[in-house]
C-alpha atoms as a PDB file:
ATOM      1  CA  MET A   1     -14.092  -1.739  27.775  1.00  0.00           C
ATOM      2  CA  ARG A   2     -15.766  -1.949  24.364  1.00  0.00           C
ATOM      3  CA  ARG A   3     -16.018   1.849  24.208  1.00  0.00           C
ATOM      4  CA  ASN A   4     -12.254   1.979  24.819  1.00  0.00           C
ATOM      5  CA  ALA A   5     -11.242  -1.203  23.034  1.00  0.00           C
ATOM      6  CA  GLN A   6      -7.693   0.010  22.368  1.00  0.00           C
ATOM      7  CA  HIS A   7      -6.958   0.166  26.117  1.00  0.00           C
ATOM      8  CA  GLU A   8      -6.115  -2.590  28.619  1.00  0.00           C
ATOM      9  CA  TYR A   9      -7.579  -2.843  32.131  1.00  0.00           C
ATOM     10  CA  ASN A  10      -7.091  -4.746  35.361  1.00  0.00           C
ATOM     11  CA  ALA A  11      -9.583  -5.241  38.190  1.00  0.00           C
ATOM     12  CA  HIS A  12      -8.272  -2.368  40.305  1.00  0.00           C
ATOM     13  CA  ALA A  13      -8.487   0.149  37.428  1.00  0.00           C
ATOM     14  CA  LEU A  14     -12.046  -0.916  36.571  1.00  0.00           C
ATOM     15  CA  GLY A  15     -12.984  -0.834  40.252  1.00  0.00           C
ATOM     16  CA  ARG A  16     -11.936   2.808  40.521  1.00  0.00           C
ATOM     17  CA  ILE A  17     -13.735   3.726  37.287  1.00  0.00           C
ATOM     18  CA  LEU A  18     -16.975   1.905  38.127  1.00  0.00           C
ATOM     19  CA  ARG A  19     -16.719   2.425  41.908  1.00  0.00           C
ATOM     20  CA  LEU A  20     -17.120  -1.307  42.534  1.00  0.00           C
ATOM     21  CA  ASP A  21     -15.185  -3.766  44.646  1.00  0.00           C
ATOM     22  CA  ALA A  22     -12.075  -5.003  42.831  1.00  0.00           C
ATOM     23  CA  ASN A  23     -12.661  -8.596  43.943  1.00  0.00           C
ATOM     24  CA  LYS A  24     -16.107  -8.604  42.344  1.00  0.00           C
ATOM     25  CA  ILE A  25     -14.576  -7.103  39.192  1.00  0.00           C
ATOM     26  CA  LYS A  26     -12.125 -10.023  39.033  1.00  0.00           C
ATOM     27  CA  VAL A  27     -15.050 -12.458  39.054  1.00  0.00           C
ATOM     28  CA  TYR A  28     -16.797 -10.522  36.279  1.00  0.00           C
ATOM     29  CA  LEU A  29     -13.603 -10.377  34.195  1.00  0.00           C
ATOM     30  CA  ASN A  30     -13.061 -14.141  34.453  1.00  0.00           C
ATOM     31  CA  ARG A  31     -16.665 -14.791  33.393  1.00  0.00           C
ATOM     32  CA  LEU A  32     -16.386 -12.445  30.417  1.00  0.00           C
ATOM     33  CA  HIS A  33     -13.083 -14.079  29.434  1.00  0.00           C
ATOM     34  CA  ASN A  34     -14.574 -17.572  29.640  1.00  0.00           C
ATOM     35  CA  LYS A  35     -17.403 -16.429  27.351  1.00  0.00           C
ATOM     36  CA  GLY A  36     -14.867 -15.088  24.837  1.00  0.00           C
ATOM     37  CA  LEU A  37     -16.048 -11.488  25.203  1.00  0.00           C
ATOM     38  CA  ILE A  38     -12.702 -10.110  26.400  1.00  0.00           C
ATOM     39  CA  LEU A  39      -9.046 -11.077  25.923  1.00  0.00           C
ATOM     40  CA  ARG A  40      -6.428 -11.743  28.602  1.00  0.00           C
ATOM     41  CA  VAL A  41      -3.313  -9.868  27.439  1.00  0.00           C
ATOM     42  CA  ASP A  42      -1.309 -10.481  30.620  1.00  0.00           C
ATOM     43  CA  LYS A  43      -1.821 -11.824  34.119  1.00  0.00           C
ATOM     44  CA  GLY A  44      -4.831  -9.931  35.476  1.00  0.00           C
ATOM     45  CA  VAL A  45      -4.914  -7.587  32.463  1.00  0.00           C
ATOM     46  CA  PHE A  46      -7.749  -7.691  29.930  1.00  0.00           C
ATOM     47  CA  LYS A  47      -9.089  -5.836  26.903  1.00  0.00           C
ATOM     48  CA  ALA A  48     -12.289  -6.055  24.847  1.00  0.00           C
ATOM     49  CA  VAL A  49     -12.518  -8.288  21.792  1.00  0.00           C
ATOM     50  CA  CYS A  50     -12.324  -6.026  18.733  1.00  0.00           C
ATOM     51  CA  ASP A  51     -14.979  -7.029  16.183  1.00  0.00           C
ATOM     52  CA  ILE A  52     -16.617  -5.150  13.310  1.00  0.00           C
ATOM     53  CA  THR A  53     -19.222  -3.621  15.632  1.00  0.00           C
ATOM     54  CA  VAL A  54     -16.520  -2.141  17.864  1.00  0.00           C
ATOM     55  CA  LEU A  55     -14.723  -0.756  14.831  1.00  0.00           C
ATOM     56  CA  ARG A  56     -17.864   0.883  13.464  1.00  0.00           C
ATOM     57  CA  GLU A  57     -19.233   2.243  16.733  1.00  0.00           C
ATOM     58  CA  ASN A  58     -16.000   3.487  18.256  1.00  0.00           C
ATOM     59  CA  GLN A  59     -14.176   4.635  15.124  1.00  0.00           C
ATOM     60  CA  LEU A  60     -10.956   3.023  16.282  1.00  0.00           C
ATOM     61  CA  GLU A  61      -7.695   3.543  14.467  1.00  0.00           C
ATOM     62  CA  HIS A  62      -8.353   3.734  10.746  1.00  0.00           C
ATOM     63  CA  PRO A  63      -5.130   4.710   8.956  1.00  0.00           C
ATOM     64  CA  PRO A  64      -5.191   5.779   5.308  1.00  0.00           C
ATOM     65  CA  THR A  65      -4.575   3.268   2.540  1.00  0.00           C
ATOM     66  CA  LEU A  66      -1.212   4.082   0.956  1.00  0.00           C
ATOM     67  CA  LEU A  67       0.699   2.889  -2.107  1.00  0.00           C
ATOM     68  CA  HIS A  68       4.285   1.794  -2.647  1.00  0.00           C
ATOM     69  CA  GLY A  69       6.285  -0.675  -4.731  1.00  0.00           C
ATOM     70  CA  ILE A  70       4.828   0.868  -7.896  1.00  0.00           C
ATOM     71  CA  LEU A  71       6.179  -0.270 -11.278  1.00  0.00           C
ATOM     72  CA  LEU A  72       4.953   1.481 -14.441  1.00  0.00           C
ATOM     73  CA  GLU A  73       5.818   0.483 -18.009  1.00  0.00           C
ATOM     74  CA  CYS A  74       5.515   2.427 -21.236  1.00  0.00           C
ATOM     75  CA  THR A  75       6.824   1.981 -24.784  1.00  0.00           C
ATOM     76  CA  ILE A  76       9.122   4.818 -25.832  1.00  0.00           C
ATOM     77  CA  ILE A  77       8.669   6.616 -29.148  1.00  0.00           C
ATOM     78  CA  ARG A  78      12.394   6.930 -29.842  1.00  0.00           C
ATOM     79  CA  ARG A  79      14.950   4.162 -30.227  1.00  0.00           C
ATOM     80  CA  VAL A  80      18.695   3.618 -30.112  1.00  0.00           C
ATOM     81  CA  THR A  81      20.162   1.035 -32.492  1.00  0.00           C
ATOM     82  CA  LYS A  82      23.620   0.839 -30.897  1.00  0.00           C
ATOM     83  CA  TRP A  83      23.184   0.983 -27.170  1.00  0.00           C
ATOM     84  CA  GLY A  84      25.923   2.863 -25.378  1.00  0.00           C
ATOM     85  CA  GLN A  85      28.116   3.501 -28.392  1.00  0.00           C
ATOM     86  CA  GLY A  86      28.139   5.138 -31.773  1.00  0.00           C
ATOM     87  CA  ALA A  87      26.155   8.023 -33.251  1.00  0.00           C
ATOM     88  CA  PRO A  88      22.397   8.321 -32.824  1.00  0.00           C
ATOM     89  CA  PRO A  89      20.384   6.431 -35.468  1.00  0.00           C
ATOM     90  CA  LYS A  90      18.903   8.190 -38.454  1.00  0.00           C
ATOM     91  CA  ALA A  91      15.312   9.261 -38.243  1.00  0.00           C
ATOM     92  CA  SER A  92      12.835   6.925 -39.888  1.00  0.00           C
ATOM     93  CA  GLU A  93       9.161   6.053 -39.624  1.00  0.00           C
ATOM     94  CA  ASN A  94       9.571   4.063 -36.399  1.00  0.00           C
ATOM     95  CA  CYS A  95      13.007   5.214 -35.264  1.00  0.00           C
ATOM     96  CA  TYR A  96      13.658   8.768 -34.079  1.00  0.00           C
ATOM     97  CA  ALA A  97      17.116  10.240 -33.852  1.00  0.00           C
ATOM     98  CA  GLY A  98      18.373  11.857 -30.699  1.00  0.00           C
ATOM     99  CA  LEU A  99      17.276   9.498 -27.907  1.00  0.00           C
ATOM    100  CA  GLU A 100      20.811   8.687 -26.860  1.00  0.00           C
ATOM    101  CA  LYS A 101      21.627  12.377 -26.789  1.00  0.00           C
ATOM    102  CA  TRP A 102      18.488  13.002 -24.712  1.00  0.00           C
ATOM    103  CA  LEU A 103      19.472  10.266 -22.262  1.00  0.00           C
ATOM    104  CA  GLU A 104      22.971  11.661 -21.832  1.00  0.00           C
ATOM    105  CA  SER A 105      21.662  15.202 -21.354  1.00  0.00           C
ATOM    106  CA  HIS A 106      19.317  13.899 -18.627  1.00  0.00           C
ATOM    107  CA  GLU A 107      22.227  12.125 -16.871  1.00  0.00           C
ATOM    108  CA  PHE A 108      21.174   8.564 -17.661  1.00  0.00           C
ATOM    109  CA  VAL A 109      23.939   5.970 -17.274  1.00  0.00           C
ATOM    110  CA  TYR A 110      24.447   3.051 -19.643  1.00  0.00           C
ATOM    111  CA  ARG A 111      24.594  -0.490 -18.222  1.00  0.00           C
ATOM    112  CA  SER A 112      26.338  -2.966 -20.459  1.00  0.00           C
ATOM    113  CA  ASP A 113      25.312  -6.002 -18.377  1.00  0.00           C
ATOM    114  CA  ASN A 114      21.624  -5.722 -19.292  1.00  0.00           C
ATOM    115  CA  HIS A 115      21.890  -3.196 -22.158  1.00  0.00           C
ATOM    116  CA  SER A 116      19.848  -0.483 -20.530  1.00  0.00           C
ATOM    117  CA  TRP A 117      20.002   3.171 -19.540  1.00  0.00           C
ATOM    118  CA  PHE A 118      19.026   4.172 -16.016  1.00  0.00           C
ATOM    119  CA  ARG A 119      19.076   7.009 -13.513  1.00  0.00           C
ATOM    120  CA  TYR A 120      17.707   7.857 -10.064  1.00  0.00           C
ATOM    121  CA  VAL A 121      15.490  10.890  -9.547  1.00  0.00           C
ATOM    122  CA  TRP A 122      14.299  12.235  -6.219  1.00  0.00           C
ATOM    123  CA  TRP A 123      10.668  13.281  -6.195  1.00  0.00           C
ATOM    124  CA  SER A 124       8.878  14.586  -3.088  1.00  0.00           C
ATOM    125  CA  GLY A 125      11.462  12.954  -0.805  1.00  0.00           C
ATOM    126  CA  ARG A 126      11.207   9.564  -2.563  1.00  0.00           C
ATOM    127  CA  ARG A 127      13.596   7.896  -4.983  1.00  0.00           C
ATOM    128  CA  LEU A 128      12.384   6.998  -8.468  1.00  0.00           C
ATOM    129  CA  THR A 129      14.296   4.594 -10.710  1.00  0.00           C
ATOM    130  CA  PHE A 130      14.035   5.208 -14.456  1.00  0.00           C
ATOM    131  CA  THR A 131      15.190   2.405 -16.778  1.00  0.00           C
ATOM    132  CA  ILE A 132      15.037   2.238 -20.582  1.00  0.00           C
ATOM    133  CA  PHE A 133      15.707  -1.177 -22.122  1.00  0.00           C
ATOM    134  CA  ASN A 134      16.804  -2.068 -25.646  1.00  0.00           C
ATOM    135  CA  ASN A 135      13.321  -3.477 -26.363  1.00  0.00           C
ATOM    136  CA  ASP A 136      11.950   0.105 -26.286  1.00  0.00           C
ATOM    137  CA  LYS A 137      10.393  -0.320 -22.825  1.00  0.00           C
ATOM    138  CA  LEU A 138      10.568   2.405 -20.189  1.00  0.00           C
ATOM    139  CA  HIS A 139      10.194   1.343 -16.553  1.00  0.00           C
ATOM    140  CA  VAL A 140       9.468   3.742 -13.694  1.00  0.00           C
ATOM    141  CA  PHE A 141       9.805   2.208 -10.224  1.00  0.00           C
ATOM    142  CA  LEU A 142       8.862   3.827  -6.912  1.00  0.00           C
ATOM    143  CA  ASN A 143       9.785   1.704  -3.890  1.00  0.00           C
ATOM    144  CA  SER A 144       9.035   4.143  -1.056  1.00  0.00           C
ATOM    145  CA  SER A 145       8.270   1.458   1.522  1.00  0.00           C
ATOM    146  CA  ARG A 146       9.386   3.808   4.303  1.00  0.00           C
ATOM    147  CA  ASN A 147       7.348   6.715   2.936  1.00  0.00           C
ATOM    148  CA  PRO A 148       4.365   5.391   0.910  1.00  0.00           C
ATOM    149  CA  ILE A 149       2.123   7.740  -1.041  1.00  0.00           C
ATOM    150  CA  CYS A 150      -1.607   8.378  -1.040  1.00  0.00           C
ATOM    151  CA  TYR A 151      -3.759   8.283  -4.179  1.00  0.00           C
ATOM    152  CA  GLU A 152      -3.611  12.068  -4.650  1.00  0.00           C
ATOM    153  CA  GLU A 153       0.206  11.962  -4.492  1.00  0.00           C
ATOM    154  CA  PHE A 154       0.176   9.166  -7.062  1.00  0.00           C
ATOM    155  CA  GLU A 155      -1.726  11.442  -9.433  1.00  0.00           C
ATOM    156  CA  LEU A 156       0.855  14.194  -8.804  1.00  0.00           C
ATOM    157  CA  LEU A 157       3.616  11.698  -9.593  1.00  0.00           C
ATOM    158  CA  LEU A 158       1.947  10.859 -12.908  1.00  0.00           C
ATOM    159  CA  SER A 159       1.742  14.567 -13.755  1.00  0.00           C
ATOM    160  CA  PHE A 160       5.475  14.862 -13.040  1.00  0.00           C
ATOM    161  CA  LEU A 161       6.198  11.895 -15.339  1.00  0.00           C
ATOM    162  CA  ASP A 162       3.991  13.429 -18.048  1.00  0.00           C
ATOM    163  CA  GLY A 163       6.318  16.406 -18.268  1.00  0.00           C
ATOM    164  CA  TYR A 164       9.596  14.606 -17.662  1.00  0.00           C
ATOM    165  CA  PHE A 165       9.144  12.053 -20.467  1.00  0.00           C
ATOM    166  CA  GLU A 166       7.053  14.200 -22.809  1.00  0.00           C
ATOM    167  CA  GLU A 167       9.728  14.100 -25.548  1.00  0.00           C
ATOM    168  CA  ILE A 168      10.254  10.331 -25.593  1.00  0.00           C
ATOM    169  CA  ALA A 169       7.227   8.527 -24.094  1.00  0.00           C
ATOM    170  CA  PRO A 170       3.420   8.974 -24.255  1.00  0.00           C
ATOM    171  CA  PHE A 171       2.864   9.007 -20.501  1.00  0.00           C
ATOM    172  CA  LYS A 172      -0.079  11.363 -20.866  1.00  0.00           C
ATOM    173  CA  ASP A 173      -2.040   8.593 -22.590  1.00  0.00           C
ATOM    174  CA  ARG A 174      -3.075   6.497 -19.580  1.00  0.00           C
ATOM    175  CA  ARG A 175      -4.408   3.775 -21.902  1.00  0.00           C
ATOM    176  CA  VAL A 176      -0.940   2.825 -23.190  1.00  0.00           C
ATOM    177  CA  VAL A 177       0.878   2.997 -19.831  1.00  0.00           C
ATOM    178  CA  LYS A 178       0.842  -0.270 -17.874  1.00  0.00           C
ATOM    179  CA  LEU A 179       0.779  -0.759 -14.110  1.00  0.00           C
ATOM    180  CA  LYS A 180       2.820  -3.930 -13.549  1.00  0.00           C
ATOM    181  CA  GLU A 181       3.238  -3.939  -9.757  1.00  0.00           C
ATOM    182  CA  VAL A 182       1.715  -2.118  -6.796  1.00  0.00           C
ATOM    183  CA  GLY A 183       1.648  -2.508  -3.033  1.00  0.00           C
ATOM    184  CA  VAL A 184      -1.361  -1.342  -0.991  1.00  0.00           C
ATOM    185  CA  ALA A 185      -0.682  -0.848   2.711  1.00  0.00           C
ATOM    186  CA  LYS A 186      -2.115   0.401   6.005  1.00  0.00           C
ATOM    187  CA  ASP A 187       0.115   1.299   8.969  1.00  0.00           C
ATOM    188  CA  PHE A 188      -1.516   0.710  12.372  1.00  0.00           C
ATOM    189  CA  LYS A 189       0.182   2.460  15.291  1.00  0.00           C
ATOM    190  CA  GLU A 190      -1.940   0.739  17.970  1.00  0.00           C
ATOM    191  CA  LEU A 191      -2.101  -2.766  16.489  1.00  0.00           C
ATOM    192  CA  ARG A 192       0.503  -5.261  17.720  1.00  0.00           C
ATOM    193  CA  LEU A 193       1.382  -8.807  16.703  1.00  0.00           C
ATOM    194  CA  GLU A 194       1.702 -11.190  19.637  1.00  0.00           C
ATOM    195  CA  GLY A 195       4.176 -14.089  19.443  1.00  0.00           C
ATOM    196  CA  VAL A 196       5.076 -13.707  15.746  1.00  0.00           C
ATOM    197  CA  LYS A 197       7.166 -11.300  13.689  1.00  0.00           C
ATOM    198  CA  SER A 198       5.138 -11.514  10.499  1.00  0.00           C
ATOM    199  CA  VAL A 199       2.306 -13.379   8.802  1.00  0.00           C
ATOM    200  CA  SER A 200       2.432 -13.931   5.032  1.00  0.00           C
ATOM    201  CA  LEU A 201      -0.164 -15.285   2.636  1.00  0.00           C
ATOM    202  CA  ARG A 202       0.338 -16.096  -1.027  1.00  0.00           C
ATOM    203  CA  ALA A 203      -3.140 -16.734  -2.346  1.00  0.00           C
ATOM    204  CA  PHE A 204      -2.310 -16.538  -6.048  1.00  0.00           C
ATOM    205  CA  LYS A 205       0.771 -16.783  -8.202  1.00  0.00           C
ATOM    206  CA  ASN A 206       0.745 -13.036  -8.871  1.00  0.00           C
ATOM    207  CA  ALA A 207      -0.479 -11.731  -5.499  1.00  0.00           C
ATOM    208  CA  TRP A 208       0.512 -11.984  -1.846  1.00  0.00           C
ATOM    209  CA  ALA A 209      -0.322 -10.364   1.480  1.00  0.00           C
ATOM    210  CA  ARG A 210       1.676  -9.790   4.658  1.00  0.00           C
ATOM    211  CA  ILE A 211       1.220  -8.422   8.172  1.00  0.00           C
ATOM    212  CA  TYR A 212       4.369  -7.417  10.055  1.00  0.00           C
ATOM    213  CA  TYR A 213       5.815  -4.810  12.407  1.00  0.00           C
ATOM    214  CA  LYS A 214       7.835  -2.255  10.437  1.00  0.00           C
ATOM    215  CA  ASP A 215      10.516  -0.793  12.674  1.00  0.00           C
ATOM    216  CA  ASP A 216      11.405   2.282  10.608  1.00  0.00           C
ATOM    217  CA  VAL A 217       7.822   3.613  10.778  1.00  0.00           C
ATOM    218  CA  GLN A 218       7.048   2.053  14.199  1.00  0.00           C
ATOM    219  CA  ALA A 219       3.741   0.602  13.079  1.00  0.00           C
ATOM    220  CA  THR A 220       2.146  -2.723  12.212  1.00  0.00           C
ATOM    221  CA  ARG A 221       1.827  -2.815   8.437  1.00  0.00           C
ATOM    222  CA  VAL A 222      -0.933  -4.707   6.652  1.00  0.00           C
ATOM    223  CA  GLU A 223      -0.078  -4.842   2.967  1.00  0.00           C
ATOM    224  CA  PHE A 224      -1.208  -6.489  -0.244  1.00  0.00           C
ATOM    225  CA  HIS A 225       0.987  -6.781  -3.337  1.00  0.00           C
ATOM    226  CA  LEU A 226      -0.238  -7.383  -6.855  1.00  0.00           C
ATOM    227  CA  ASN A 227       1.920  -8.312  -9.844  1.00  0.00           C
ATOM    228  CA  GLN A 228      -0.571  -7.976 -12.649  1.00  0.00           C
ATOM    229  CA  VAL A 229      -0.195  -6.005 -15.881  1.00  0.00           C
ATOM    230  CA  MET A 230      -3.185  -3.719 -16.411  1.00  0.00           C
ATOM    231  CA  PRO A 231      -3.784  -0.433 -18.268  1.00  0.00           C
ATOM    232  CA  LEU A 232      -3.108   2.577 -16.085  1.00  0.00           C
ATOM    233  CA  ASP A 233      -6.514   4.146 -16.725  1.00  0.00           C
ATOM    234  CA  GLU A 234      -8.235   1.016 -15.364  1.00  0.00           C
ATOM    235  CA  ALA A 235      -5.771   0.758 -12.469  1.00  0.00           C
ATOM    236  CA  LEU A 236      -6.473   4.350 -11.413  1.00  0.00           C
ATOM    237  CA  LYS A 237     -10.176   3.581 -11.067  1.00  0.00           C
ATOM    238  CA  SER A 238      -9.442   0.542  -8.861  1.00  0.00           C
ATOM    239  CA  LEU A 239      -6.859   2.342  -6.719  1.00  0.00           C
ATOM    240  CA  SER A 240      -9.234   5.260  -6.219  1.00  0.00           C
ATOM    241  CA  VAL A 241     -11.817   2.882  -4.734  1.00  0.00           C
ATOM    242  CA  LEU A 242      -9.249   1.003  -2.623  1.00  0.00           C
ATOM    243  CA  THR A 243      -7.832   4.167  -1.070  1.00  0.00           C
ATOM    244  CA  THR A 244     -11.187   5.829  -0.313  1.00  0.00           C
ATOM    245  CA  PRO A 245     -11.741   5.868   3.487  1.00  0.00           C
ATOM    246  CA  VAL A 246     -14.523   3.633   4.775  1.00  0.00           C
ATOM    247  CA  ASN A 247     -17.401   5.359   6.564  1.00  0.00           C
ATOM    248  CA  TYR A 248     -18.286   3.058   9.474  1.00  0.00           C
ATOM    249  CA  SER A 249     -21.126   5.289  10.629  1.00  0.00           C
ATOM    250  CA  GLY A 250     -23.412   4.365   7.744  1.00  0.00           C
ATOM    251  CA  VAL A 251     -24.946   1.097   6.617  1.00  0.00           C
ATOM    252  CA  VAL A 252     -22.241  -1.374   5.630  1.00  0.00           C
ATOM    253  CA  LEU A 253     -23.023  -3.765   2.811  1.00  0.00           C
ATOM    254  CA  ASN A 254     -21.575  -7.251   2.606  1.00  0.00           C
ATOM    255  CA  PRO A 255     -21.285 -10.053   0.025  1.00  0.00           C
ATOM    256  CA  LEU A 256     -24.227 -11.916   1.591  1.00  0.00           C
ATOM    257  CA  GLY A 257     -26.709  -9.277   0.492  1.00  0.00           C
ATOM    258  CA  ASN A 258     -28.039  -5.828   1.289  1.00  0.00           C
ATOM    259  CA  ARG A 259     -27.924  -6.161   5.094  1.00  0.00           C
ATOM    260  CA  ARG A 260     -25.943  -4.684   7.920  1.00  0.00           C
ATOM    261  CA  LEU A 261     -22.754  -6.473   8.887  1.00  0.00           C
ATOM    262  CA  ASP A 262     -23.811  -6.660  12.534  1.00  0.00           C
ATOM    263  CA  GLU A 263     -26.399  -9.252  11.459  1.00  0.00           C
ATOM    264  CA  TYR A 264     -23.493 -11.539  10.522  1.00  0.00           C
ATOM    265  CA  GLN A 265     -21.112 -11.299  13.439  1.00  0.00           C
ATOM    266  CA  ASP A 266     -19.654 -14.716  12.613  1.00  0.00           C
ATOM    267  CA  VAL A 267     -18.693 -13.629   9.083  1.00  0.00           C
ATOM    268  CA  THR A 268     -15.098 -12.424   8.646  1.00  0.00           C
END
């Protein structure tokens, strides 16, 4: 059962597999359940307890770590003095003419309610929202909850933004671009929540985590959201580590020291 921890068994199925009497199997299953070594998922149906040893030895489902809910911010190098009306401003040391004309040529729409220009752009089957505010800030938002991206796709997105905003924003300089929000998620096809629809945890004011079943992707999503402004070059280093697959076959280190995790089975 531990070698096939994702499957459920009853006494008759195990009896056929092991060529043992089903009644004896029932006794064994009840003993294992009383010792907490297996779980009863239904009347007469059991499965192995899934701990870190089972994960490492059996290489159970290990979906990739994906990104969504990404909000990037950058200061533009051109400005508009009269938002949505009038001629473009004259060029000066800190004010470059032609931004409003550039926005109109790129099909941006002016919003008078919050004094901003915005447009939607489809990139790789995902919708991007571009917004330029009257405080010279450019926001790029990628929701993509239904179709999150991997780290390599995130780098491709940044390359696309480099070219798209080359005339008005220094996106190529990762030190001046800020990552304001990001969601990190894993979608488990075999994991199910029993008795609840979702579990949420807000550990800090600017971070929260949630586990829930996402119908449109038919998977249990484990996600962590961070609302913390940090330079993009530093964020890329962190996201690269977070999205690197874990190798369970090697020695796993833990916060208690340089030992294997199977020496600390009670540590979660």
